[in-house]
Protein backbone atom coordinates (compact mmCIF):
# COMPACT_ATOMS: atom_id res chain seq x y z
CA MET A 1 70.14 105.34 119.76
CA PRO A 2 71.79 107.19 116.86
CA PRO A 3 69.29 108.48 114.32
CA SER A 4 68.65 106.39 111.23
CA PRO A 5 66.69 106.89 107.99
CA SER A 6 64.38 104.04 108.95
CA PRO A 7 64.21 102.28 112.34
CA THR A 8 63.67 98.97 110.54
CA ASP A 9 66.49 99.41 108.00
CA TYR A 10 69.46 100.36 110.13
CA ALA A 11 72.75 98.55 110.68
CA ASN A 12 73.95 99.22 114.23
CA PRO A 13 77.64 100.12 113.60
CA GLU A 14 78.86 99.19 117.09
CA LEU A 15 77.09 95.83 116.90
CA LEU A 16 78.56 95.20 113.44
CA GLU A 17 82.08 95.74 114.80
CA LYS A 18 81.55 92.93 117.32
CA ILE A 19 80.24 90.16 115.06
CA PRO A 20 83.13 87.67 114.85
CA LEU A 21 84.72 87.75 111.40
CA THR A 22 85.61 84.08 111.82
CA ALA A 23 81.92 83.10 111.95
CA LYS A 24 80.64 80.73 109.30
CA THR A 25 76.96 80.89 110.32
CA VAL A 26 75.31 83.85 112.05
CA LEU A 27 71.73 84.12 113.32
CA ASP A 28 70.18 87.60 113.63
CA VAL A 29 67.11 87.38 115.88
CA GLY A 30 64.75 90.19 114.99
CA CYS A 31 66.65 90.96 111.79
CA ARG A 32 64.10 93.54 110.58
CA ARG A 33 64.92 94.27 106.92
CA GLY A 34 68.33 92.61 107.08
CA ALA A 35 70.50 95.76 107.09
CA LEU A 36 72.88 94.47 109.75
CA GLY A 37 73.25 91.08 108.08
CA ALA A 38 73.83 92.69 104.69
CA ALA A 39 76.56 94.89 106.17
CA TYR A 40 78.20 91.83 107.74
CA LEU A 41 78.09 89.90 104.47
CA ARG A 42 80.04 92.74 102.84
CA ARG A 43 82.77 91.88 105.37
CA ASN A 44 82.40 88.11 105.28
CA PRO A 45 80.75 87.11 101.97
CA ARG A 46 81.34 83.40 102.55
CA ALA A 47 79.22 83.39 105.71
CA THR A 48 75.67 82.09 105.99
CA MET A 49 73.48 84.85 107.44
CA LEU A 50 70.17 83.69 108.90
CA GLY A 51 67.37 85.91 110.15
CA ILE A 52 64.22 85.61 112.23
CA GLU A 53 61.64 88.38 111.82
CA LEU A 54 58.03 88.68 112.96
CA ASN A 55 57.01 91.45 110.56
CA ALA A 56 56.12 89.90 107.19
CA GLU A 57 56.96 92.97 105.11
CA ASP A 58 60.34 93.40 106.75
CA ALA A 59 61.06 89.68 106.42
CA GLU A 60 60.35 89.82 102.69
CA THR A 61 62.93 92.58 102.24
CA ALA A 62 65.42 90.73 104.45
CA ARG A 63 65.16 87.65 102.22
CA THR A 64 66.70 89.67 99.37
CA ARG A 65 69.74 90.40 101.54
CA LEU A 66 70.34 87.40 103.78
CA SER A 67 70.94 83.71 103.17
CA ALA A 68 67.59 82.66 104.67
CA VAL A 69 64.86 84.33 106.74
CA TYR A 70 62.14 82.78 108.89
CA CYS A 71 59.03 84.91 109.34
CA GLY A 72 57.39 84.04 112.64
CA ASP A 73 57.35 84.36 116.41
CA VAL A 74 60.71 83.39 117.89
CA GLU A 75 59.04 82.51 121.20
CA GLN A 76 56.90 79.93 119.43
CA THR A 77 59.70 78.66 117.17
CA PRO A 78 63.08 79.46 118.78
CA MET A 79 65.16 77.61 116.16
CA PRO A 80 63.57 77.32 112.71
CA PHE A 81 66.92 76.46 111.06
CA ALA A 82 69.16 73.39 111.13
CA PRO A 83 72.43 74.67 109.62
CA GLU A 84 75.20 72.17 109.00
CA GLY A 85 78.01 72.90 111.40
CA GLY A 86 75.81 74.70 113.92
CA ILE A 87 75.74 78.44 114.65
CA ASP A 88 78.79 80.54 115.47
CA CYS A 89 77.09 83.78 116.53
CA ILE A 90 73.59 84.74 117.70
CA ILE A 91 72.64 88.43 117.65
CA TYR A 92 69.91 90.08 119.69
CA GLY A 93 69.83 93.68 118.53
CA ASP A 94 67.21 95.44 120.71
CA VAL A 95 65.05 92.30 120.76
CA LEU A 96 65.03 90.57 124.16
CA GLU A 97 63.19 93.44 125.86
CA HIS A 98 60.26 92.84 123.47
CA LEU A 99 59.78 89.19 124.48
CA VAL A 100 57.46 87.74 127.10
CA ASP A 101 60.09 85.22 128.25
CA PRO A 102 63.51 86.26 126.90
CA TRP A 103 65.24 83.88 129.32
CA ALA A 104 63.53 80.87 127.72
CA VAL A 105 64.45 82.03 124.21
CA LEU A 106 68.09 82.48 125.24
CA ALA A 107 68.22 79.03 126.82
CA ALA A 108 66.64 77.37 123.78
CA GLN A 109 68.82 79.07 121.19
CA VAL A 110 72.14 78.80 123.02
CA LYS A 111 71.82 75.01 122.75
CA HIS A 112 72.50 75.41 119.02
CA LEU A 113 75.60 77.57 119.52
CA ASN A 114 78.91 75.97 118.63
CA PRO A 115 81.62 75.56 121.27
CA GLY A 116 83.35 78.91 121.42
CA GLY A 117 80.35 80.55 119.74
CA THR A 118 79.41 84.14 120.58
CA VAL A 119 76.18 85.80 121.70
CA LEU A 120 75.73 89.55 121.15
CA VAL A 121 73.05 91.53 122.96
CA CYS A 122 72.33 95.20 122.34
CA MET A 123 69.97 96.32 125.11
CA PRO A 124 68.31 99.56 126.18
CA ASN A 125 69.60 100.61 129.58
CA ALA A 126 66.96 100.67 132.32
CA GLU A 127 69.41 102.65 134.47
CA HIS A 128 69.50 105.53 131.99
CA TRP A 129 69.31 108.90 133.68
CA SER A 130 66.21 109.88 131.67
CA MET A 131 64.30 106.99 133.26
CA VAL A 132 65.07 108.35 136.72
CA ALA A 133 64.13 111.86 135.57
CA ARG A 134 60.78 110.57 134.31
CA LEU A 135 60.07 108.84 137.62
CA LEU A 136 61.04 111.93 139.60
CA THR A 137 58.68 114.08 137.53
CA GLY A 138 55.93 111.44 137.36
CA LYS A 139 55.98 111.38 133.53
CA PHE A 140 56.60 107.73 132.63
CA ASP A 141 55.14 108.15 129.13
CA TYR A 142 55.64 105.61 126.35
CA SER A 143 56.68 106.41 122.76
CA ASP A 144 56.85 104.69 119.38
CA ASP A 145 60.57 103.86 119.68
CA GLY A 146 63.65 104.47 121.80
CA LEU A 147 64.04 103.75 125.50
CA MET A 148 60.31 104.11 126.23
CA ASP A 149 59.17 102.05 123.23
CA ARG A 150 55.66 100.87 124.07
CA GLY A 151 56.62 97.45 122.71
CA HIS A 152 59.08 96.86 125.57
CA LEU A 153 57.83 94.09 127.84
CA ARG A 154 60.99 93.66 129.90
CA TRP A 155 63.61 96.01 131.34
CA PHE A 156 67.25 95.18 131.95
CA THR A 157 70.17 96.83 133.62
CA PRO A 158 73.61 95.65 132.45
CA ARG A 159 73.92 93.52 135.60
CA MET A 160 70.53 91.89 135.02
CA MET A 161 71.38 91.09 131.38
CA GLY A 162 74.73 89.67 132.49
CA GLU A 163 72.88 87.37 134.89
CA ALA A 164 70.51 86.27 132.09
CA LEU A 165 73.44 85.36 129.86
CA THR A 166 75.17 83.48 132.65
CA GLN A 167 71.98 81.56 133.45
CA ALA A 168 71.88 80.52 129.78
CA GLY A 169 75.25 78.81 130.25
CA LEU A 170 77.46 81.52 128.73
CA GLU A 171 80.70 83.08 129.90
CA LEU A 172 80.61 86.87 129.95
CA ALA A 173 83.29 88.42 127.74
CA ASP A 174 82.79 92.18 127.79
CA LEU A 175 80.30 95.01 128.14
CA ALA A 176 80.52 98.23 126.13
CA PRO A 177 78.34 101.34 126.05
CA ARG A 178 77.15 102.71 122.74
CA PRO A 179 78.05 106.36 122.06
CA MET A 180 76.06 108.56 124.42
CA PRO A 181 73.55 111.04 123.00
CA ASN A 182 72.87 114.05 125.23
CA ALA A 183 76.08 113.48 127.19
CA GLU A 184 76.00 117.03 128.56
CA GLN A 185 72.46 116.55 129.86
CA ALA A 186 73.50 113.33 131.57
CA GLN A 187 76.44 115.11 133.21
CA LYS A 188 74.22 117.95 134.45
CA PHE A 189 71.62 115.50 135.80
CA VAL A 190 74.25 113.57 137.77
CA GLU A 191 75.72 116.82 139.13
CA ALA A 192 72.25 117.90 140.28
CA LEU A 193 71.82 114.54 142.03
CA GLY A 194 75.22 114.88 143.69
CA PRO A 195 74.04 115.36 147.30
CA ALA A 196 71.53 112.50 147.05
CA LEU A 197 74.14 110.18 145.51
CA HIS A 198 76.58 111.10 148.27
CA ASN A 199 73.99 110.32 150.95
CA LEU A 200 73.30 106.96 149.29
CA GLY A 201 77.00 106.11 149.15
CA ILE A 202 77.08 106.14 145.35
CA GLU A 203 80.12 107.55 143.57
CA PRO A 204 78.88 110.12 140.97
CA ARG A 205 81.49 109.08 138.39
CA ASP A 206 80.46 105.43 138.66
CA TYR A 207 76.80 106.38 138.45
CA LEU A 208 77.38 108.46 135.32
CA ASP A 209 79.10 105.47 133.69
CA ARG A 210 75.98 103.39 134.38
CA ALA A 211 73.31 106.03 133.78
CA GLY A 212 74.83 107.90 130.83
CA PRO A 213 74.64 105.27 128.04
CA LEU A 214 71.26 104.78 126.42
CA GLN A 215 72.31 101.29 125.31
CA PHE A 216 74.93 98.67 126.15
CA ILE A 217 76.30 95.76 124.13
CA TRP A 218 77.12 92.51 125.91
CA ARG A 219 79.37 89.86 124.40
CA ALA A 220 79.30 86.35 125.86
CA ARG A 221 80.71 83.02 124.73
CA LYS A 222 79.89 79.39 125.25
CA ALA A 223 83.53 78.81 126.09
CA ALA A 224 86.44 81.14 125.63
CA PRO A 225 90.20 80.64 125.27
CA ALA A 226 92.58 82.79 127.26
CA ARG A 227 92.77 86.53 126.69
CA LEU A 228 95.10 87.87 124.03
CA GLU A 229 96.41 91.42 124.29
CA ILE A 230 97.69 93.00 121.08
CA ALA A 231 99.35 96.40 121.35
CA ALA A 232 100.14 97.87 117.93
CA THR A 233 102.09 100.95 117.01
CA MET A 234 101.34 102.86 113.84
CA LEU A 235 103.25 105.27 111.64
CA THR A 236 101.57 108.48 110.59
CA PRO A 237 99.08 107.32 107.94
CA GLN A 238 100.35 107.82 104.39
CA GLY A 239 98.72 106.32 101.35
CA GLY A 240 96.73 103.79 103.34
CA VAL A 241 99.71 101.67 104.44
CA SER A 242 98.88 102.13 108.12
CA ASP A 243 95.20 101.41 107.57
CA VAL A 244 95.76 98.24 105.56
CA ARG A 245 98.53 96.76 107.67
CA VAL A 246 97.53 97.92 111.18
CA VAL A 247 94.15 99.60 111.61
CA GLU A 248 91.90 97.25 109.68
CA PRO A 249 93.58 93.96 110.74
CA LEU A 250 93.27 95.11 114.36
CA ARG A 251 89.57 95.85 113.82
CA ALA A 252 89.17 92.34 112.41
CA LEU A 253 91.00 90.74 115.35
CA ARG A 254 88.92 92.66 117.90
CA THR A 255 85.75 91.00 116.61
CA ASP A 256 86.98 88.04 118.66
CA SER A 257 85.82 88.74 122.21
CA THR A 258 89.00 87.30 123.74
CA VAL A 259 91.16 89.93 122.03
CA LEU A 260 92.02 93.25 123.60
CA GLY A 261 93.65 95.22 120.81
CA ALA A 262 94.66 98.84 120.65
CA ILE A 263 96.91 101.19 118.69
CA THR A 264 99.20 102.66 121.31
CA PRO A 265 102.33 104.84 121.34
CA GLU A 266 105.24 102.52 121.94
CA ALA A 267 106.26 104.14 125.25
CA GLU A 268 102.71 103.73 126.60
CA ILE A 269 102.30 100.01 125.86
CA THR A 270 101.11 98.41 129.11
CA ALA A 271 99.51 95.07 129.91
CA HIS A 272 95.94 95.04 131.26
CA PHE A 273 95.22 91.38 132.08
CA PRO A 274 97.69 89.52 134.32
CA GLY A 275 98.66 86.24 132.72
CA ALA A 276 97.23 87.10 129.30
CA ALA A 277 99.21 86.50 126.12
CA ARG A 278 100.91 89.77 125.15
CA ILE A 279 101.95 90.64 121.61
CA ALA A 280 103.49 94.00 120.64
CA VAL A 281 103.25 94.64 116.89
CA LEU A 282 105.60 97.42 115.78
CA HIS A 283 104.62 98.98 112.46
CA ARG A 284 107.64 99.46 110.17
CA PRO A 285 109.90 100.26 113.13
CA LEU A 286 113.29 101.85 112.48
CA LEU A 287 115.35 100.20 115.20
CA LEU A 288 118.99 101.18 115.10
CA GLY A 289 121.91 100.41 117.38
CA ALA A 290 121.75 100.99 121.12
CA SER A 291 118.55 103.04 120.98
CA GLY A 292 116.78 100.30 119.04
CA LEU A 293 117.94 97.68 121.51
CA ALA A 294 116.70 99.82 124.40
CA ARG A 295 113.25 100.13 122.87
CA LEU A 296 112.99 96.39 122.35
CA ARG A 297 114.40 95.63 125.80
CA ALA A 298 111.70 97.81 127.38
CA LEU A 299 108.93 95.81 125.71
CA ILE A 300 110.48 92.46 126.56
CA ASP A 301 110.88 93.53 130.18
CA LYS A 302 107.13 94.26 130.24
CA GLY A 303 106.49 90.67 129.22
CA TYR A 304 105.72 91.25 125.54
CA LEU A 305 106.56 89.08 122.59
CA VAL A 306 107.65 91.53 119.88
CA VAL A 307 106.60 91.30 116.21
CA SER A 308 107.87 93.60 113.48
CA GLU A 309 105.23 94.48 110.87
CA PHE A 310 107.11 95.29 107.66
CA ASP A 311 105.93 95.22 104.05
CA ASP A 312 108.82 96.59 102.00
CA HIS A 313 112.00 94.96 100.75
CA PRO A 314 114.95 95.51 103.15
CA SER A 315 116.71 97.30 100.30
CA PHE A 316 114.17 100.10 100.90
CA LEU A 317 116.08 101.02 104.06
CA GLU A 318 119.52 100.65 102.50
CA GLN A 319 118.54 102.98 99.65
CA ARG A 320 117.66 105.59 102.25
CA GLY A 321 121.06 105.47 103.87
CA VAL A 322 120.30 103.17 106.80
CA ASP A 323 123.37 101.31 108.10
CA VAL A 324 122.24 97.69 107.86
CA ALA A 325 124.92 96.65 110.36
CA GLU A 326 123.15 98.80 112.97
CA LEU A 327 119.63 97.69 111.97
CA MET A 328 117.67 95.77 114.61
CA THR A 329 114.26 95.93 112.89
CA PHE A 330 114.33 92.31 111.71
CA ARG A 331 116.84 90.26 113.66
CA ALA A 332 116.20 91.69 117.16
CA VAL A 333 112.48 90.86 117.32
CA HIS A 334 110.80 87.55 118.08
CA ALA A 335 109.03 87.38 114.71
CA ILE A 336 108.12 89.32 111.56
CA GLN A 337 104.84 89.62 109.69
CA THR A 338 104.74 90.75 106.09
CA SER A 339 102.50 90.86 103.02
CA THR A 340 104.10 88.78 100.23
CA ARG A 341 106.10 85.60 99.74
CA PRO A 342 109.02 87.40 98.01
CA LEU A 343 109.27 89.73 101.01
CA ALA A 344 109.25 86.77 103.37
CA GLU A 345 112.09 85.16 101.41
CA ALA A 346 114.13 88.35 101.80
CA LEU A 347 113.31 88.80 105.49
CA VAL A 348 113.90 85.21 106.53
CA GLU A 349 117.62 85.83 105.98
CA HIS A 350 117.47 88.07 109.05
CA ASN A 351 114.96 86.11 111.16
CA PRO A 352 113.55 82.61 110.58
CA GLU A 353 110.18 83.46 112.17
CA VAL A 354 108.27 85.14 109.33
CA ALA A 355 104.53 84.93 108.62
CA VAL A 356 102.84 86.13 105.43
CA PHE A 357 99.43 87.75 105.68
CA PRO A 358 98.50 89.06 102.22
CA ASN A 359 96.87 92.46 102.10
CA ALA A 360 93.12 92.04 102.28
CA ILE A 361 89.89 94.02 102.28
CA LEU A 362 87.86 94.64 105.44
CA GLU A 363 84.60 95.52 103.71
CA LEU A 364 83.19 95.61 100.18
CA PRO A 365 81.74 99.06 99.53
CA PRO A 366 78.42 99.33 97.67
CA PRO A 367 79.22 99.92 93.95
CA ALA A 368 78.91 103.57 92.91
CA ASN A 369 80.40 103.73 89.39
CA PHE A 370 79.50 102.96 85.75
CA THR A 371 76.58 105.39 85.95
CA THR A 372 77.53 107.11 82.65
CA PRO A 373 78.75 104.44 80.17
CA GLU A 374 79.71 106.98 77.51
CA ARG A 375 82.33 108.44 79.83
CA LEU A 376 84.87 106.52 81.95
CA THR A 377 87.16 107.84 84.67
CA LEU A 378 90.71 106.56 85.05
CA LEU A 379 92.35 106.93 88.46
CA PHE A 380 96.10 107.02 89.00
CA ALA A 381 96.97 107.06 92.71
CA ALA A 382 100.63 106.68 93.62
CA ILE A 383 103.56 107.96 95.66
CA ASN A 384 107.00 108.34 94.06
CA ARG A 385 106.21 106.22 91.01
CA GLN A 386 107.60 108.34 88.15
CA ASP A 387 109.92 105.56 86.95
CA ASP A 388 106.86 103.33 86.62
CA TRP A 389 104.60 105.65 84.63
CA ALA A 390 107.16 107.53 82.52
CA PRO A 391 107.26 104.90 79.70
CA TYR A 392 103.47 105.15 79.27
CA ILE A 393 102.59 108.83 79.55
CA GLY A 394 102.91 109.35 75.80
CA VAL A 395 100.34 106.65 75.04
CA ILE A 396 97.93 107.93 77.69
CA ASN A 397 98.13 111.41 76.19
CA GLU A 398 97.63 110.01 72.70
CA VAL A 399 94.47 108.15 73.75
CA ALA A 400 93.21 111.10 75.79
CA ARG A 401 93.51 113.44 72.81
CA ALA A 402 91.77 110.93 70.54
CA VAL A 403 88.73 110.27 72.76
CA GLY A 404 88.30 113.69 74.36
CA GLU A 405 85.78 113.90 77.17
CA ARG A 406 85.03 110.16 77.00
CA LEU A 407 88.09 109.70 79.23
CA ARG A 408 88.47 111.63 82.45
CA ILE A 409 91.62 111.21 84.52
CA ASN A 410 91.85 111.73 88.27
CA VAL A 411 95.32 111.88 89.79
CA LEU A 412 95.90 111.39 93.49
CA HIS A 413 99.11 112.91 94.89
CA ASP A 414 101.42 112.47 91.89
CA GLN A 415 101.81 116.07 90.70
CA PRO A 416 104.41 115.30 87.98
CA PHE A 417 102.06 112.76 86.39
CA PHE A 418 99.22 115.27 86.47
CA ASP A 419 101.40 117.98 84.94
CA ALA A 420 102.52 115.60 82.17
CA LEU A 421 98.91 114.83 81.13
CA ASP A 422 97.95 116.58 77.88
CA THR A 423 94.18 116.76 78.37
CA PRO A 424 91.74 119.28 79.85
CA HIS A 425 89.68 116.42 81.28
CA LYS A 426 91.81 115.87 84.35
CA GLN A 427 91.58 116.56 88.07
CA PHE A 428 94.29 116.63 90.75
CA LEU A 429 93.65 115.47 94.29
CA PRO A 430 96.24 115.93 97.05
CA LEU A 431 97.31 113.06 99.28
CA THR A 432 94.41 112.36 101.61
CA ASP A 433 93.28 109.93 104.28
CA TYR A 434 92.56 106.33 103.35
CA GLY A 435 88.79 106.62 103.60
CA THR A 436 88.72 109.54 101.17
CA TYR A 437 91.03 107.67 98.77
CA LEU A 438 88.63 104.73 98.75
CA ARG A 439 85.69 107.01 98.00
CA VAL A 440 87.64 108.59 95.12
CA LEU A 441 88.42 105.10 93.85
CA GLN A 442 84.75 104.13 93.94
CA ASP A 443 83.96 107.01 91.56
CA ALA A 444 86.37 105.66 88.92
CA GLU A 445 85.89 102.86 86.40
CA ILE A 446 89.56 102.18 85.55
CA SER A 447 92.56 101.97 87.88
CA PHE A 448 95.94 102.50 86.16
CA MET A 449 98.62 100.43 87.92
CA PRO A 450 102.06 100.41 86.23
CA LEU A 451 105.04 98.81 87.97
CA GLU A 452 108.53 98.64 86.47
CA ASP A 453 110.15 95.20 86.69
CA ASN A 454 112.80 95.54 89.41
CA LEU A 455 113.74 93.88 92.71
CA PHE A 456 111.88 96.41 94.85
CA ASN A 457 108.64 96.26 92.85
CA ARG A 458 108.65 92.47 92.55
CA ALA A 459 108.37 92.28 96.34
CA LYS A 460 105.33 94.58 96.44
CA SER A 461 101.79 93.36 96.99
CA ASP A 462 98.78 93.50 94.69
CA LEU A 463 96.93 95.82 97.09
CA LYS A 464 95.81 98.27 94.42
CA PHE A 465 94.18 95.47 92.45
CA ILE A 466 92.17 94.15 95.39
CA GLU A 467 91.16 97.69 96.41
CA ALA A 468 90.01 98.34 92.83
CA GLY A 469 88.24 95.00 92.59
CA ALA A 470 86.42 95.56 95.88
CA ALA A 471 85.13 98.90 94.53
CA ARG A 472 84.14 97.33 91.19
CA VAL A 473 86.86 99.22 89.31
CA CYS A 474 88.64 97.56 86.39
CA ALA A 475 92.40 97.14 86.78
CA LEU A 476 94.69 98.19 83.93
CA ALA A 477 98.04 96.91 85.12
CA SER A 478 101.56 95.86 84.19
CA PRO A 479 102.43 92.19 84.74
CA THR A 480 104.95 92.88 87.52
CA VAL A 481 103.22 91.63 90.71
CA TYR A 482 99.75 91.80 89.17
CA ASP A 483 100.06 88.79 86.88
CA GLN A 484 100.06 86.67 90.07
CA SER A 485 96.46 87.64 90.87
CA ILE A 486 94.82 89.27 87.83
CA GLN A 487 93.42 86.86 85.26
CA ASP A 488 94.10 88.79 82.07
CA GLY A 489 90.87 89.35 80.18
CA LYS A 490 88.73 88.03 83.03
CA THR A 491 89.35 90.06 86.20
CA GLY A 492 91.37 92.88 84.61
CA LEU A 493 93.68 93.73 81.75
CA LEU A 494 97.48 93.45 81.68
CA PHE A 495 99.79 95.38 79.36
CA HIS A 496 103.40 94.43 78.64
CA ASP A 497 104.38 97.54 76.71
CA ALA A 498 103.07 100.90 75.50
CA ALA A 499 101.32 99.33 72.50
CA GLY A 500 99.52 96.89 74.77
CA LEU A 501 98.43 99.73 77.04
CA ARG A 502 97.04 101.65 74.04
CA ALA A 503 95.06 98.65 72.79
CA ASN A 504 93.63 97.82 76.21
CA LEU A 505 92.66 101.39 77.06
CA LEU A 506 90.92 101.88 73.72
CA LYS A 507 89.09 98.58 74.18
CA MET A 508 87.87 99.63 77.63
CA LEU A 509 86.56 102.93 76.29
CA ALA A 510 84.93 101.38 73.21
CA TYR A 511 83.20 98.61 75.17
CA PRO A 512 82.25 99.96 78.62
CA GLU A 513 79.98 96.96 79.20
CA VAL A 514 83.02 94.67 78.89
CA THR A 515 84.96 96.92 81.25
CA ARG A 516 82.16 96.65 83.78
CA GLN A 517 82.06 92.86 83.44
CA LEU A 518 85.79 92.69 84.15
CA ALA A 519 85.23 94.89 87.22
CA ASP A 520 82.34 92.71 88.40
CA ASN A 521 84.54 89.63 88.03
CA ALA A 522 87.29 91.29 90.03
CA ARG A 523 84.86 92.17 92.81
CA ALA A 524 83.67 88.57 92.89
CA TYR A 525 87.29 87.37 93.11
CA VAL A 526 88.00 89.67 96.06
CA ALA A 527 84.75 88.68 97.77
CA GLN A 528 85.63 85.01 97.63
CA ASN A 529 89.38 85.15 98.19
CA ARG A 530 90.79 88.38 99.62
CA MET A 531 88.74 89.46 102.63
CA LEU A 532 90.27 90.05 106.05
CA ALA A 533 87.59 87.74 107.42
CA TYR A 534 89.34 84.81 105.76
CA GLN A 535 92.69 85.35 107.48
CA THR A 536 91.56 86.49 110.94
CA GLU A 537 91.63 82.99 112.37
CA ALA A 538 95.11 82.38 110.94
CA ARG A 539 96.40 85.61 112.49
CA LEU A 540 94.93 84.70 115.88
CA THR A 541 96.36 81.19 115.71
CA TRP A 542 99.81 82.52 114.78
CA TYR A 543 99.87 85.00 117.68
CA ARG A 544 98.72 82.35 120.16
CA THR A 545 101.29 79.89 118.80
CA LEU A 546 104.06 82.48 119.12
CA TRP A 547 103.05 83.05 122.72
CA ALA A 548 103.01 79.32 123.45
CA ARG A 549 106.58 79.15 122.01
CA ARG A 550 107.80 82.31 123.72
CA ASP A 551 110.53 80.57 125.72
CA GLU A 552 111.87 78.92 122.57
CA LEU A 553 111.64 82.16 120.59
CA THR A 554 113.32 84.17 123.32
CA ALA A 555 116.17 81.64 123.50
CA ALA A 556 116.64 81.95 119.73
CA LEU A 557 116.54 85.74 120.02
CA ARG A 558 119.15 85.63 122.78
CA ALA A 559 121.42 83.54 120.59
CA ARG A 560 120.86 85.82 117.58
CA VAL A 561 121.24 89.15 119.42
CA PRO A 562 122.99 88.51 122.76
CA GLU A 563 123.54 92.23 123.29
CA LEU A 564 119.76 92.64 123.64
CA PHE A 565 119.95 90.79 126.96
CA ALA A 566 123.20 92.32 128.23
């Protein structure tokens, strides 16, 4: 098990990734201090997170984090809750091995699982190579935690746990090892056992796969729809576009145990499950002429339904010299997914099958700002936005000179903006990965978001506002795009001209407690409205519906682009 600051206050990251984001009610059996449930609620704040914990002190802490916690023996009271709508997911994180009769607890609790509900089991692996080493050396000593925890009453191999889940009336979905500590030691141990394994008819590679992981995670369901394979391509990450539109939505979709999703180079896209629904999502593909048709033809021949993921106005390509007559990005695919309604209205002219999935947040980070009220940090993070900020640089410099060190300005990527700032209290940060950008954002209190009113900008999303809101950063924005989501004076501040920017910025600096309240309101708005958890089911339904209509969609594609099928 990976090390943690406290064994009772640790959120298993691999287990967290497998809790369905579509769940409305989750039960964590043996929740300890509620760290896992708290982490899940930062991804799905609308969910009800229930916990069962035997340790009274840990249960008391968990109550401050979860929706409700029962302190008691789960074997005596398997289901102390009666949630409306049942339970969508039950989690056993290193728990079943501590029970006298884990099979009875499973059977009793699964009765309360909704149809299609999920059970997650993280289990220590009784086949681990260190167990065999202990037996061979005669040192089967117990410890306070880990594989030889003296509190373990039962031992399971992955096969045995699979049988227990099946006996409880569940369908097995998948089995995954947790990252292996001491991988080199495991390899050396298996190599040393090579002759014995050979004599026993055991393939060393297969044995290493079983004996190497210290823990496994099983996923099982009460009933499961057909498998859905999603193969996504991704452009080189720049400014978070790939993360927001591909990486994080795919992570959200994979929390459904029926989904096999991976980011794959286009040429390597291959189906894994015969008969499964197959969706290829191409991220901002530039498909031109015969070469574009060939790329699409190759995917269709492999049995894929092809979706173009595009979140810029088509004029973006024209402005960069792309011959629209040769462009196959929109009309030669089965469907398009995008981020805003104005974009959908522009794209539907090329293809009637367009779905809008607004940009959303995977996880709310713990707030880290407003630690020094007498000094606020403004962040400007942008790529190629000089036309947007040029009308306001004079006012920003004026305010910066007037307030001195009370205003610090961090600039991400935009060197001309940084150079135009007339203040010593500034810092430049080069373009970085998305995770680092989010950490930089969390250190700010104000996010400056100007957008000039033009066709291209009006089709953009409000991503910077929801990123800022999630990080509890106050938005200072122009009305273009942002007036559709920011409530002026409640979840952020809008400026219509330079004078309005000056007034708002001075107000934020003079009343930092008001600025923080606006940021808190924005975070609450994002938590209740703009999480990926809230659109995961819609994405899954859309993909499955596209697959069910694939003959109809292919016929329409053939009529629209007959040369694709020549």
